[in-house]
Amino acid sequence: MKLRVKVDYKTYQKLKEVEEEYREVLEEAINYGLVNKTTSFTRIKSGVYKTEREKHKNLPSHYIYTACEDASERLDSFEKLKKRGRSYTEKPSVRRVTIHLDDHLWKFNLEKISIAVKRSRVFISPIFPKIFWRYYNTGWRIASEARFRLLKGNVVEFYVIFKRDEPKPYKPKAFIPVDLNENSVSVLINNKPVLLETNTKKITLGYEYRRKLTTTGRSTKDREVRRKLKRLRERDKKVDIRRKLAKLIVKEAFESRSAIILEDLPRRTPELMIKDVKDSQLRLRIYRAAFSSMKNAIIEKAKEFDVPVVLVNPSRTSTVCPIHGTKIVYQPDGGNAQGLVFVRRGKRGGIGTWLRCTT
């Protein structure tokens, strides 16, 4: 969380003194790491602490610790860039300094922030934005470390870091099977099948028809043609639908403490599905349905909420339960059988069938 506070001249000068001495310690720590070919914080600190403590007697000692941590991070980042051939200098240069603070160098409360300087402390009173209160009031806690840097005009840019305690292990009490189809997503919630329409077919064909009308007899490099094609926004519409559906499914699973069951689709799913399809329009629809993208959107959103996702092999799921390995019994009267509910995909992306295994 970045906060900008304008302070008085006296406070700014005290922080400026800290910045100048912090820069000197940082440069010495970087040089020590380069000479001794190390990026280890403990080795850098043990090598420079005694010397720097004698040089900067009035500077709080923990600034030397944090400067060594800063040097370790910079050297580690420089070594990674150097291995990839993206370093343009022989050693990392210190151009801008952001001062690291540990729990001994700053104290926080909602009225003011206290920062240790040479032989005293200074106080700043920031105005917290709405996003600060959103995190502060929803279970996040302020970490013991922080950072600040000085800007022109007596402005201090302060960085508050939020952390959340490790969540309790998620123990699913139920399962929500999800079937991804071309024009809909089928889910089972509280033993009731729900069909969520996506209108992907309409979006795909509408875009294709308009694209043909726009490009007939004209080059796609034409500026006016490119402008019209950009305004169709097929990709944006589909991405928006996938994100909304993923959030809807994952939130339902999170609130009911359920795990999500998805088909473990192969990499080239569209190519495999259209292999034996001769209808050009159907091939286009299946290829642009983006089944894997929908699956990935659900998995990514599930990670945010720590909801477990179970991937099952879709092969032979119309006859054998992928969880229990037992044969599926179809009720001739359409009644309910006992066991786990799951769903299979139609061959061409059609709506799957809700089934129950014999277990």
Protein backbone atom coordinates (compact mmCIF):
# COMPACT_ATOMS: atom_id res chain seq x y z
CA MET A 1 0.00 0.00 0.00
CA LYS A 2 1.61 3.29 -1.13
CA LEU A 3 0.93 6.43 0.92
CA ARG A 4 2.21 9.91 0.07
CA VAL A 5 2.55 12.45 2.88
CA LYS A 6 3.80 16.03 2.71
CA VAL A 7 5.87 16.81 5.82
CA ASP A 8 7.46 19.94 7.22
CA TYR A 9 10.99 20.99 6.30
CA LYS A 10 12.57 19.88 9.62
CA THR A 11 11.11 16.35 9.38
CA TYR A 12 12.16 16.07 5.74
CA GLN A 13 15.76 17.07 6.55
CA LYS A 14 16.03 14.45 9.30
CA LEU A 15 14.81 11.77 6.90
CA LYS A 16 17.21 13.11 4.25
CA GLU A 17 20.15 12.59 6.62
CA VAL A 18 19.07 9.00 7.14
CA GLU A 19 18.75 8.48 3.39
CA GLU A 20 22.29 9.80 2.69
CA GLU A 21 23.92 7.55 5.29
CA TYR A 22 21.73 4.58 4.28
CA ARG A 23 22.95 5.04 0.68
CA GLU A 24 26.59 4.95 1.83
CA VAL A 25 26.03 1.72 3.79
CA LEU A 26 24.16 0.19 0.85
CA GLU A 27 26.96 0.97 -1.61
CA GLU A 28 29.59 -0.49 0.74
CA ALA A 29 27.50 -3.64 1.23
CA ILE A 30 27.11 -4.09 -2.54
CA ASN A 31 30.86 -3.63 -3.10
CA TYR A 32 31.60 -6.18 -0.37
CA GLY A 33 29.24 -8.71 -1.97
CA LEU A 34 30.85 -8.20 -5.40
CA VAL A 35 34.42 -8.52 -4.09
CA ASN A 36 33.60 -11.65 -2.07
CA LYS A 37 31.25 -13.08 -4.72
CA THR A 38 28.31 -13.54 -2.39
CA THR A 39 24.67 -12.53 -2.26
CA SER A 40 24.08 -13.90 1.25
CA PHE A 41 22.63 -11.41 3.72
CA THR A 42 24.38 -12.99 6.73
CA ARG A 43 27.81 -12.95 5.05
CA ILE A 44 27.42 -9.35 3.87
CA LYS A 45 26.23 -8.22 7.32
CA SER A 46 29.09 -9.96 9.15
CA GLY A 47 31.59 -8.43 6.72
CA VAL A 48 30.49 -4.77 6.83
CA TYR A 49 28.62 -4.25 10.11
CA LYS A 50 31.55 -3.43 12.39
CA THR A 51 33.13 -0.97 9.95
CA GLU A 52 29.88 0.78 9.10
CA ARG A 53 28.84 1.01 12.75
CA GLU A 54 32.03 2.95 13.52
CA LYS A 55 31.42 5.29 10.56
CA HIS A 56 27.77 5.99 11.34
CA LYS A 57 27.62 6.10 15.15
CA ASN A 58 24.46 8.20 15.37
CA LEU A 59 22.51 6.13 12.85
CA PRO A 60 20.27 3.46 14.42
CA SER A 61 22.04 0.12 14.00
CA HIS A 62 19.06 -1.59 12.39
CA TYR A 63 19.46 0.62 9.31
CA ILE A 64 22.73 -1.24 8.70
CA TYR A 65 20.83 -4.55 8.90
CA THR A 66 18.17 -3.42 6.45
CA ALA A 67 20.78 -1.92 4.10
CA CYS A 68 22.52 -5.30 4.01
CA GLU A 69 19.18 -6.97 3.20
CA ASP A 70 18.64 -4.43 0.43
CA ALA A 71 22.13 -5.12 -0.96
CA SER A 72 21.50 -8.87 -0.88
CA GLU A 73 18.27 -8.45 -2.87
CA ARG A 74 19.93 -6.17 -5.43
CA LEU A 75 22.90 -8.50 -5.93
CA ASP A 76 20.64 -11.53 -6.30
CA SER A 77 18.52 -9.73 -8.90
CA PHE A 78 21.66 -8.56 -10.74
CA GLU A 79 23.06 -12.11 -10.91
CA LYS A 80 19.80 -13.40 -12.42
CA LEU A 81 19.80 -10.64 -15.06
CA LYS A 82 23.46 -11.34 -15.81
CA LYS A 83 22.78 -15.04 -16.44
CA ARG A 84 20.03 -14.10 -18.92
CA GLY A 85 22.33 -11.60 -20.65
CA ARG A 86 20.21 -8.61 -19.67
CA SER A 87 22.70 -6.74 -17.48
CA TYR A 88 24.20 -3.63 -19.07
CA THR A 89 26.74 -2.76 -16.36
CA GLU A 90 29.50 -4.63 -14.56
CA LYS A 91 27.91 -4.12 -11.16
CA PRO A 92 24.51 -2.98 -9.86
CA SER A 93 24.32 0.81 -9.65
CA VAL A 94 22.48 2.59 -6.84
CA ARG A 95 20.36 5.24 -8.54
CA ARG A 96 17.22 5.40 -6.41
CA VAL A 97 17.12 4.48 -2.74
CA THR A 98 14.08 3.06 -0.98
CA ILE A 99 14.86 2.73 2.71
CA HIS A 100 13.87 -0.56 4.31
CA LEU A 101 12.44 -0.51 7.83
CA ASP A 102 12.12 -3.33 10.34
CA ASP A 103 9.98 -3.44 13.48
CA HIS A 104 12.65 -1.54 15.50
CA LEU A 105 12.76 1.40 13.09
CA TRP A 106 9.07 2.23 12.77
CA LYS A 107 5.84 2.01 14.75
CA PHE A 108 2.35 2.20 13.32
CA ASN A 109 -1.00 3.34 14.59
CA LEU A 110 -3.99 4.94 12.88
CA GLU A 111 -3.11 8.42 14.14
CA LYS A 112 0.56 8.62 13.20
CA ILE A 113 3.56 6.64 11.98
CA SER A 114 6.79 6.90 13.96
CA ILE A 115 10.17 6.52 12.17
CA ALA A 116 13.56 6.34 13.89
CA VAL A 117 16.15 8.89 12.74
CA LYS A 118 19.51 10.02 14.14
CA ARG A 119 19.18 10.46 17.94
CA SER A 120 15.37 10.90 17.75
CA ARG A 121 12.15 9.90 16.01
CA VAL A 122 9.90 11.73 13.57
CA PHE A 123 6.14 11.39 13.15
CA ILE A 124 4.03 11.54 10.01
CA SER A 125 0.24 11.50 9.79
CA PRO A 126 -0.96 10.03 6.47
CA ILE A 127 -4.50 10.13 5.09
CA PHE A 128 -5.52 6.55 4.37
CA PRO A 129 -7.35 5.82 1.09
CA LYS A 130 -10.42 3.56 0.81
CA ILE A 131 -8.40 0.55 -0.33
CA PHE A 132 -6.40 0.73 2.93
CA TRP A 133 -9.57 0.35 4.98
CA ARG A 134 -10.77 -2.45 2.71
CA TYR A 135 -7.73 -4.53 3.66
CA TYR A 136 -7.47 -3.31 7.26
CA ASN A 137 -11.09 -4.26 8.05
CA THR A 138 -11.16 -7.64 6.27
CA GLY A 139 -8.70 -9.78 8.21
CA TRP A 140 -5.41 -8.47 6.81
CA ARG A 141 -2.73 -7.34 9.27
CA ILE A 142 0.07 -4.83 8.82
CA ALA A 143 3.47 -6.50 8.53
CA SER A 144 6.42 -5.65 10.74
CA GLU A 145 8.49 -4.41 7.77
CA ALA A 146 7.89 -1.26 5.71
CA ARG A 147 9.69 1.07 3.28
CA PHE A 148 9.86 4.74 2.43
CA ARG A 149 11.56 7.01 -0.07
CA LEU A 150 11.84 10.77 -0.42
CA LEU A 151 10.36 12.77 -3.28
CA LYS A 152 10.69 16.42 -4.26
CA GLY A 153 8.64 19.04 -2.46
CA ASN A 154 9.06 17.59 1.07
CA VAL A 155 6.97 14.53 0.13
CA VAL A 156 7.53 11.15 1.77
CA GLU A 157 6.30 8.07 -0.12
CA PHE A 158 5.59 5.39 2.48
CA TYR A 159 4.95 1.71 1.68
CA VAL A 160 2.80 -0.25 4.14
CA ILE A 161 2.81 -4.03 3.62
CA PHE A 162 -0.23 -6.13 4.44
CA LYS A 163 -0.09 -9.81 5.33
CA ARG A 164 -2.71 -12.42 6.02
CA ASP A 165 -2.36 -15.30 8.45
CA GLU A 166 -2.11 -18.76 6.97
CA PRO A 167 -5.63 -20.02 6.24
CA LYS A 168 -6.94 -23.13 7.91
CA PRO A 169 -6.77 -26.31 5.79
CA TYR A 170 -9.72 -26.46 3.42
CA LYS A 171 -11.65 -29.68 4.03
CA PRO A 172 -14.32 -30.11 1.35
CA LYS A 173 -17.67 -31.37 2.56
CA ALA A 174 -19.15 -31.93 -0.91
CA PHE A 175 -18.35 -31.80 -4.63
CA ILE A 176 -19.51 -29.50 -7.41
CA PRO A 177 -19.07 -31.18 -10.83
CA VAL A 178 -18.62 -28.79 -13.75
CA ASP A 179 -19.20 -29.68 -17.41
CA LEU A 180 -17.81 -27.26 -20.01
CA ASN A 181 -19.82 -27.04 -23.23
CA GLU A 182 -19.73 -24.84 -26.29
CA ASN A 183 -22.69 -22.64 -25.41
CA SER A 184 -23.13 -23.32 -21.69
CA VAL A 185 -21.57 -24.53 -18.45
CA SER A 186 -23.39 -27.21 -16.46
CA VAL A 187 -22.91 -27.47 -12.69
CA LEU A 188 -24.50 -29.53 -9.94
CA ILE A 189 -25.38 -27.50 -6.82
CA ASN A 190 -27.12 -29.14 -3.88
CA ASN A 191 -27.98 -32.17 -6.07
CA LYS A 192 -29.72 -29.88 -8.57
CA PRO A 193 -28.31 -29.46 -12.10
CA VAL A 194 -27.92 -25.83 -13.19
CA LEU A 195 -27.28 -24.74 -16.79
CA LEU A 196 -25.39 -21.45 -17.18
CA GLU A 197 -25.69 -20.13 -20.73
CA THR A 198 -22.68 -18.36 -22.23
CA ASN A 199 -23.97 -17.49 -25.73
CA THR A 200 -20.51 -18.34 -27.10
CA LYS A 201 -22.06 -19.69 -30.29
CA LYS A 202 -23.87 -16.43 -30.99
CA ILE A 203 -20.76 -14.35 -30.28
CA THR A 204 -18.55 -16.53 -32.49
CA LEU A 205 -20.91 -16.62 -35.48
CA GLY A 206 -21.85 -12.95 -35.13
CA TYR A 207 -18.21 -11.96 -35.21
CA GLU A 208 -17.51 -14.22 -38.19
CA TYR A 209 -20.43 -12.85 -40.21
CA ARG A 210 -19.44 -9.24 -39.52
CA ARG A 211 -15.82 -10.01 -40.27
CA LYS A 212 -16.75 -11.37 -43.70
CA LEU A 213 -18.91 -8.32 -44.43
CA THR A 214 -16.11 -5.98 -43.36
CA THR A 215 -13.26 -7.72 -45.22
CA THR A 216 -15.01 -8.76 -48.44
CA GLY A 217 -13.04 -7.19 -51.30
CA ARG A 218 -10.79 -5.27 -48.89
CA SER A 219 -7.40 -5.95 -47.28
CA THR A 220 -7.15 -6.57 -43.53
CA LYS A 221 -4.20 -4.15 -43.55
CA ASP A 222 -6.54 -1.31 -44.42
CA ARG A 223 -6.75 1.14 -41.51
CA GLU A 224 -10.54 1.45 -41.62
CA VAL A 225 -10.93 -2.35 -41.78
CA ARG A 226 -8.65 -2.86 -38.79
CA ARG A 227 -10.54 -0.23 -36.82
CA LYS A 228 -13.89 -1.94 -37.48
CA LEU A 229 -12.52 -5.40 -36.62
CA LYS A 230 -11.11 -4.08 -33.36
CA ARG A 231 -14.50 -2.73 -32.34
CA LEU A 232 -16.08 -6.21 -32.58
CA ARG A 233 -14.27 -7.27 -29.35
CA GLU A 234 -14.92 -11.01 -29.64
CA ARG A 235 -12.02 -11.92 -27.37
CA ASP A 236 -12.93 -9.32 -24.72
CA LYS A 237 -16.52 -10.56 -24.55
CA LYS A 238 -15.47 -14.19 -24.14
CA VAL A 239 -12.84 -13.37 -21.51
CA ASP A 240 -15.42 -11.37 -19.55
CA ILE A 241 -17.90 -14.29 -19.65
CA ARG A 242 -15.23 -16.80 -18.54
CA ARG A 243 -14.16 -14.64 -15.59
CA LYS A 244 -17.72 -14.04 -14.40
CA LEU A 245 -18.65 -17.72 -14.63
CA ALA A 246 -15.43 -18.79 -12.88
CA LYS A 247 -16.10 -16.37 -10.02
CA LEU A 248 -19.72 -17.53 -9.74
CA ILE A 249 -18.76 -21.22 -9.57
CA VAL A 250 -15.83 -20.77 -7.20
CA LYS A 251 -17.76 -18.54 -4.78
CA GLU A 252 -20.55 -21.11 -4.62
CA ALA A 253 -17.98 -23.84 -3.90
CA PHE A 254 -16.27 -21.69 -1.26
CA GLU A 255 -19.52 -20.83 0.56
CA SER A 256 -20.67 -24.46 0.58
CA ARG A 257 -17.14 -25.74 1.43
CA SER A 258 -17.09 -27.92 -1.68
CA ALA A 259 -14.43 -29.10 -4.10
CA ILE A 260 -14.78 -28.52 -7.85
CA ILE A 261 -14.62 -31.45 -10.27
CA LEU A 262 -13.36 -30.64 -13.78
CA GLU A 263 -12.40 -32.71 -16.80
CA ASP A 264 -8.65 -33.00 -17.31
CA LEU A 265 -8.71 -31.81 -20.90
CA PRO A 266 -5.70 -32.55 -23.13
CA ARG A 267 -3.64 -29.70 -24.55
CA ARG A 268 -4.97 -29.74 -28.10
CA THR A 269 -8.62 -30.24 -27.20
CA PRO A 270 -10.16 -28.30 -30.14
CA GLU A 271 -7.98 -30.08 -32.72
CA LEU A 272 -8.98 -33.48 -31.34
CA MET A 273 -12.68 -32.58 -31.26
CA ILE A 274 -12.85 -31.31 -34.86
CA LYS A 275 -10.77 -34.18 -36.24
CA ASP A 276 -13.78 -36.02 -37.71
CA VAL A 277 -16.08 -32.99 -38.17
CA LYS A 278 -16.64 -31.95 -41.80
CA ASP A 279 -19.05 -29.04 -41.27
CA SER A 280 -16.88 -25.90 -41.54
CA GLN A 281 -19.19 -23.80 -39.35
CA LEU A 282 -19.24 -26.42 -36.58
CA ARG A 283 -15.45 -26.72 -36.76
CA LEU A 284 -15.16 -22.95 -36.33
CA ARG A 285 -17.53 -22.92 -33.35
CA ILE A 286 -15.75 -25.77 -31.55
CA TYR A 287 -12.31 -24.31 -32.19
CA ARG A 288 -13.29 -20.92 -30.78
CA ALA A 289 -15.24 -22.27 -27.80
CA ALA A 290 -11.98 -22.21 -25.77
CA PHE A 291 -12.72 -25.11 -23.40
CA SER A 292 -9.19 -25.09 -21.93
CA SER A 293 -9.37 -21.34 -21.30
CA MET A 294 -12.59 -21.79 -19.32
CA LYS A 295 -11.00 -24.62 -17.32
CA ASN A 296 -7.91 -22.50 -16.59
CA ALA A 297 -10.06 -19.53 -15.53
CA ILE A 298 -11.86 -21.70 -12.95
CA ILE A 299 -8.56 -23.15 -11.66
CA GLU A 300 -6.97 -19.69 -11.30
CA LYS A 301 -9.99 -18.28 -9.47
CA ALA A 302 -10.10 -21.38 -7.24
CA LYS A 303 -6.49 -20.71 -6.19
CA GLU A 304 -7.50 -17.24 -4.98
CA PHE A 305 -10.11 -18.77 -2.65
CA ASP A 306 -8.04 -21.89 -1.82
CA VAL A 307 -10.81 -24.09 -3.21
CA PRO A 308 -9.51 -27.56 -4.22
CA VAL A 309 -10.00 -28.65 -7.83
CA VAL A 310 -10.18 -32.33 -8.79
CA LEU A 311 -9.27 -33.13 -12.41
CA VAL A 312 -10.74 -36.36 -13.77
CA ASN A 313 -9.96 -38.17 -16.98
CA PRO A 314 -12.97 -37.70 -19.33
CA SER A 315 -12.22 -40.94 -21.15
CA ARG A 316 -15.10 -43.50 -20.90
CA THR A 317 -16.93 -41.42 -18.29
CA SER A 318 -20.25 -42.29 -19.95
CA THR A 319 -19.85 -45.93 -18.81
CA VAL A 320 -17.38 -45.92 -15.87
CA CYS A 321 -17.23 -43.60 -12.86
CA PRO A 322 -13.82 -41.83 -12.92
CA ILE A 323 -13.71 -41.63 -9.08
CA HIS A 324 -14.85 -45.11 -7.99
CA GLY A 325 -14.11 -47.09 -11.17
CA THR A 326 -17.57 -48.74 -11.02
CA LYS A 327 -20.03 -49.19 -13.84
CA ILE A 328 -22.73 -46.56 -14.29
CA VAL A 329 -26.34 -47.69 -14.06
CA TYR A 330 -28.91 -45.75 -16.09
CA GLN A 331 -32.36 -45.70 -14.54
CA PRO A 332 -34.94 -46.72 -17.18
CA ASP A 333 -37.65 -44.65 -15.47
CA GLY A 334 -35.42 -41.60 -15.16
CA GLY A 335 -35.24 -41.90 -11.35
CA ASN A 336 -32.25 -41.22 -9.13
CA ALA A 337 -29.63 -43.88 -8.43
CA GLN A 338 -27.38 -43.87 -5.38
CA GLY A 339 -23.82 -42.55 -5.51
CA LEU A 340 -21.65 -39.73 -6.74
CA VAL A 341 -23.04 -37.39 -9.37
CA PHE A 342 -20.80 -36.40 -12.23
CA VAL A 343 -21.13 -35.28 -15.84
CA ARG A 344 -19.62 -36.15 -19.21
CA ARG A 345 -19.02 -34.03 -22.29
CA GLY A 346 -20.79 -34.55 -25.59
CA LYS A 347 -18.50 -35.44 -28.49
CA ARG A 348 -18.96 -32.08 -30.20
CA GLY A 349 -19.20 -29.87 -27.18
CA GLY A 350 -22.89 -30.54 -26.60
CA ILE A 351 -24.59 -30.52 -23.21
CA GLY A 352 -23.42 -33.44 -21.07
CA THR A 353 -25.58 -35.94 -19.21
CA TRP A 354 -25.98 -36.05 -15.43
CA LEU A 355 -25.25 -39.59 -14.23
CA ARG A 356 -24.78 -41.56 -11.01
CA CYS A 357 -22.45 -44.46 -10.36
CA THR A 358 -23.38 -47.65 -8.53
CA THR A 359 -21.10 -46.95 -5.53
